[in-house]
Amino acid sequence: MLYIILEDGITDSNKSTYFILKVVYWYMETMETTMVIKTNKKLRNEAKAVAGNLGIPLTTVLNALLKQFVREQRLTVSSDATPTKTKLALWEEISAEMDSAVGVKSFSDVEDLIKDLRLA
């Protein structure tokens, strides 16, 4: 079982506040391991909020990440980008323009395309 203990924040010389995150692992109630992770307050709060929105404790998230790291012996980091409303509107506009075929040329072979682009 993995337990996470958040301790009071500390402030460094740059006036950045960090919260100490202690991860404690008990194996069969006899073995105890402590990891201290230094992270900033904003990141901790954002991670806690996301985990809360998913309905799981931050402890479960970190435990899953550690297990995956050990199992796969590699670190996979990804972030699915969410397009902005402006970008979505632009894509819709481009899609509608392409669907209307106004000002769109089509070519039956590459040679005609190259001639039209004046590359040959």
C-alpha atoms as a PDB file:
ATOM      1  CA  MET A   1       0.000   0.000   0.000  1.00  0.00           C
ATOM      2  CA  LEU A   2       1.314   3.480  -0.873  1.00  0.00           C
ATOM      3  CA  TYR A   3       0.640   6.395   1.441  1.00  0.00           C
ATOM      4  CA  ILE A   4       1.334  10.033   0.637  1.00  0.00           C
ATOM      5  CA  ILE A   5       1.965  12.593   3.332  1.00  0.00           C
ATOM      6  CA  LEU A   6       2.068  16.283   2.405  1.00  0.00           C
ATOM      7  CA  GLU A   7       4.072  18.370   4.833  1.00  0.00           C
ATOM      8  CA  ASP A   8       4.225  22.126   5.315  1.00  0.00           C
ATOM      9  CA  GLY A   9       5.798  24.178   2.570  1.00  0.00           C
ATOM     10  CA  ILE A  10       9.339  25.493   2.647  1.00  0.00           C
ATOM     11  CA  THR A  11      10.571  28.611   0.882  1.00  0.00           C
ATOM     12  CA  ASP A  12      13.963  28.752  -0.821  1.00  0.00           C
ATOM     13  CA  SER A  13      16.205  31.788  -1.411  1.00  0.00           C
ATOM     14  CA  ASN A  14      14.294  32.612  -4.630  1.00  0.00           C
ATOM     15  CA  LYS A  15      11.087  32.872  -2.591  1.00  0.00           C
ATOM     16  CA  SER A  16       9.656  29.782  -4.318  1.00  0.00           C
ATOM     17  CA  THR A  17       7.528  27.673  -2.011  1.00  0.00           C
ATOM     18  CA  TYR A  18       7.876  23.911  -2.183  1.00  0.00           C
ATOM     19  CA  PHE A  19       5.841  21.293  -0.420  1.00  0.00           C
ATOM     20  CA  ILE A  20       7.530  18.141   0.759  1.00  0.00           C
ATOM     21  CA  LEU A  21       5.715  15.072  -0.453  1.00  0.00           C
ATOM     22  CA  LYS A  22       6.600  11.935   1.481  1.00  0.00           C
ATOM     23  CA  VAL A  23       5.649   8.668  -0.120  1.00  0.00           C
ATOM     24  CA  VAL A  24       5.550   5.802   2.330  1.00  0.00           C
ATOM     25  CA  TYR A  25       5.216   2.207   1.150  1.00  0.00           C
ATOM     26  CA  TRP A  26       4.298  -0.618   3.506  1.00  0.00           C
ATOM     27  CA  TYR A  27       4.823  -4.166   2.285  1.00  0.00           C
ATOM     28  CA  MET A  28       3.029  -6.766   4.389  1.00  0.00           C
ATOM     29  CA  GLU A  29       3.050  -4.249   7.275  1.00  0.00           C
ATOM     30  CA  THR A  30       6.737  -4.998   7.971  1.00  0.00           C
ATOM     31  CA  MET A  31       8.707  -3.003   5.422  1.00  0.00           C
ATOM     32  CA  GLU A  32       8.646   0.787   5.284  1.00  0.00           C
ATOM     33  CA  THR A  33      10.189   2.951   2.574  1.00  0.00           C
ATOM     34  CA  THR A  34      10.047   6.711   2.424  1.00  0.00           C
ATOM     35  CA  MET A  35      10.595   8.842  -0.679  1.00  0.00           C
ATOM     36  CA  VAL A  36      10.776  12.600  -0.440  1.00  0.00           C
ATOM     37  CA  ILE A  37       9.691  14.409  -3.596  1.00  0.00           C
ATOM     38  CA  LYS A  38      10.218  18.133  -3.963  1.00  0.00           C
ATOM     39  CA  THR A  39       7.504  19.835  -5.993  1.00  0.00           C
ATOM     40  CA  ASN A  40       5.999  23.283  -6.125  1.00  0.00           C
ATOM     41  CA  LYS A  41       2.664  24.194  -4.597  1.00  0.00           C
ATOM     42  CA  LYS A  42       0.895  24.937  -7.889  1.00  0.00           C
ATOM     43  CA  LEU A  43       1.815  21.565  -9.410  1.00  0.00           C
ATOM     44  CA  ARG A  44       0.778  19.699  -6.289  1.00  0.00           C
ATOM     45  CA  ASN A  45      -2.556  21.501  -6.148  1.00  0.00           C
ATOM     46  CA  GLU A  46      -3.238  20.970  -9.857  1.00  0.00           C
ATOM     47  CA  ALA A  47      -2.394  17.262  -9.613  1.00  0.00           C
ATOM     48  CA  LYS A  48      -4.574  16.878  -6.538  1.00  0.00           C
ATOM     49  CA  ALA A  49      -7.464  18.654  -8.304  1.00  0.00           C
ATOM     50  CA  VAL A  50      -7.188  16.490 -11.438  1.00  0.00           C
ATOM     51  CA  ALA A  51      -7.071  13.322  -9.360  1.00  0.00           C
ATOM     52  CA  GLY A  52     -10.061  14.559  -7.372  1.00  0.00           C
ATOM     53  CA  ASN A  53     -11.990  15.267 -10.589  1.00  0.00           C
ATOM     54  CA  LEU A  54     -11.278  11.690 -11.658  1.00  0.00           C
ATOM     55  CA  GLY A  55     -12.511  10.472  -8.286  1.00  0.00           C
ATOM     56  CA  ILE A  56      -9.215   8.955  -7.186  1.00  0.00           C
ATOM     57  CA  PRO A  57      -6.707  10.019  -4.542  1.00  0.00           C
ATOM     58  CA  LEU A  58      -3.342  11.414  -5.599  1.00  0.00           C
ATOM     59  CA  THR A  59      -1.797   8.440  -3.794  1.00  0.00           C
ATOM     60  CA  THR A  60      -3.348   6.074  -6.324  1.00  0.00           C
ATOM     61  CA  VAL A  61      -2.033   8.149  -9.222  1.00  0.00           C
ATOM     62  CA  LEU A  62       1.531   8.109  -7.910  1.00  0.00           C
ATOM     63  CA  ASN A  63       1.351   4.417  -7.044  1.00  0.00           C
ATOM     64  CA  ALA A  64       0.180   3.602 -10.588  1.00  0.00           C
ATOM     65  CA  LEU A  65       2.956   5.716 -12.101  1.00  0.00           C
ATOM     66  CA  LEU A  66       5.610   4.012  -9.973  1.00  0.00           C
ATOM     67  CA  LYS A  67       4.297   0.534 -10.859  1.00  0.00           C
ATOM     68  CA  GLN A  68       4.222   1.380 -14.574  1.00  0.00           C
ATOM     69  CA  PHE A  69       7.752   2.792 -14.379  1.00  0.00           C
ATOM     70  CA  VAL A  70       9.077  -0.385 -12.743  1.00  0.00           C
ATOM     71  CA  ARG A  71       7.110  -2.722 -15.026  1.00  0.00           C
ATOM     72  CA  GLU A  72       8.064  -1.019 -18.308  1.00  0.00           C
ATOM     73  CA  GLN A  73      11.479   0.266 -17.204  1.00  0.00           C
ATOM     74  CA  ARG A  74      10.909   3.467 -19.106  1.00  0.00           C
ATOM     75  CA  LEU A  75       9.195   6.791 -18.571  1.00  0.00           C
ATOM     76  CA  THR A  76       6.357   7.767 -20.881  1.00  0.00           C
ATOM     77  CA  VAL A  77       5.170  11.351 -20.701  1.00  0.00           C
ATOM     78  CA  SER A  78       2.380  12.654 -22.892  1.00  0.00           C
ATOM     79  CA  SER A  79      -0.126  15.428 -22.962  1.00  0.00           C
ATOM     80  CA  ASP A  80      -3.118  15.368 -25.234  1.00  0.00           C
ATOM     81  CA  ALA A  81      -3.527  18.890 -26.515  1.00  0.00           C
ATOM     82  CA  THR A  82      -6.991  20.406 -26.353  1.00  0.00           C
ATOM     83  CA  PRO A  83      -7.606  22.814 -29.224  1.00  0.00           C
ATOM     84  CA  THR A  84      -8.802  26.302 -28.388  1.00  0.00           C
ATOM     85  CA  LYS A  85     -12.190  27.601 -29.552  1.00  0.00           C
ATOM     86  CA  THR A  86     -10.374  29.828 -32.048  1.00  0.00           C
ATOM     87  CA  LYS A  87      -8.442  26.885 -33.493  1.00  0.00           C
ATOM     88  CA  LEU A  88     -11.598  24.754 -33.733  1.00  0.00           C
ATOM     89  CA  ALA A  89     -13.399  27.585 -35.555  1.00  0.00           C
ATOM     90  CA  LEU A  90     -10.484  27.892 -38.001  1.00  0.00           C
ATOM     91  CA  TRP A  91     -10.530  24.140 -38.669  1.00  0.00           C
ATOM     92  CA  GLU A  92     -14.281  24.265 -39.298  1.00  0.00           C
ATOM     93  CA  GLU A  93     -13.779  27.163 -41.714  1.00  0.00           C
ATOM     94  CA  ILE A  94     -11.041  25.306 -43.597  1.00  0.00           C
ATOM     95  CA  SER A  95     -13.141  22.140 -43.708  1.00  0.00           C
ATOM     96  CA  ALA A  96     -16.166  24.024 -45.072  1.00  0.00           C
ATOM     97  CA  GLU A  97     -13.972  25.718 -47.675  1.00  0.00           C
ATOM     98  CA  MET A  98     -12.574  22.386 -48.819  1.00  0.00           C
ATOM     99  CA  ASP A  99     -16.050  20.834 -48.909  1.00  0.00           C
ATOM    100  CA  SER A 100     -17.359  23.663 -51.121  1.00  0.00           C
ATOM    101  CA  ALA A 101     -14.546  23.076 -53.664  1.00  0.00           C
ATOM    102  CA  VAL A 102     -14.434  26.829 -54.445  1.00  0.00           C
ATOM    103  CA  GLY A 103     -10.967  27.697 -55.676  1.00  0.00           C
ATOM    104  CA  VAL A 104      -9.789  24.121 -55.202  1.00  0.00           C
ATOM    105  CA  LYS A 105      -7.899  22.438 -58.014  1.00  0.00           C
ATOM    106  CA  SER A 106      -7.557  18.731 -58.482  1.00  0.00           C
ATOM    107  CA  PHE A 107      -4.890  16.890 -60.409  1.00  0.00           C
ATOM    108  CA  SER A 108      -4.886  13.462 -61.990  1.00  0.00           C
ATOM    109  CA  ASP A 109      -1.121  13.032 -61.744  1.00  0.00           C
ATOM    110  CA  VAL A 110       1.923  14.480 -60.039  1.00  0.00           C
ATOM    111  CA  GLU A 111       3.327  16.023 -63.233  1.00  0.00           C
ATOM    112  CA  ASP A 112       0.258  18.283 -63.607  1.00  0.00           C
ATOM    113  CA  LEU A 113       0.573  19.342 -59.968  1.00  0.00           C
ATOM    114  CA  ILE A 114       4.257  20.196 -60.407  1.00  0.00           C
ATOM    115  CA  LYS A 115       3.468  22.231 -63.546  1.00  0.00           C
ATOM    116  CA  ASP A 116       0.706  24.107 -61.722  1.00  0.00           C
ATOM    117  CA  LEU A 117       3.031  24.881 -58.837  1.00  0.00           C
ATOM    118  CA  ARG A 118       5.601  26.050 -61.411  1.00  0.00           C
ATOM    119  CA  LEU A 119       8.228  23.768 -59.961  1.00  0.00           C
ATOM    120  CA  ALA A 120       9.232  22.355 -63.339  1.00  0.00           C
END
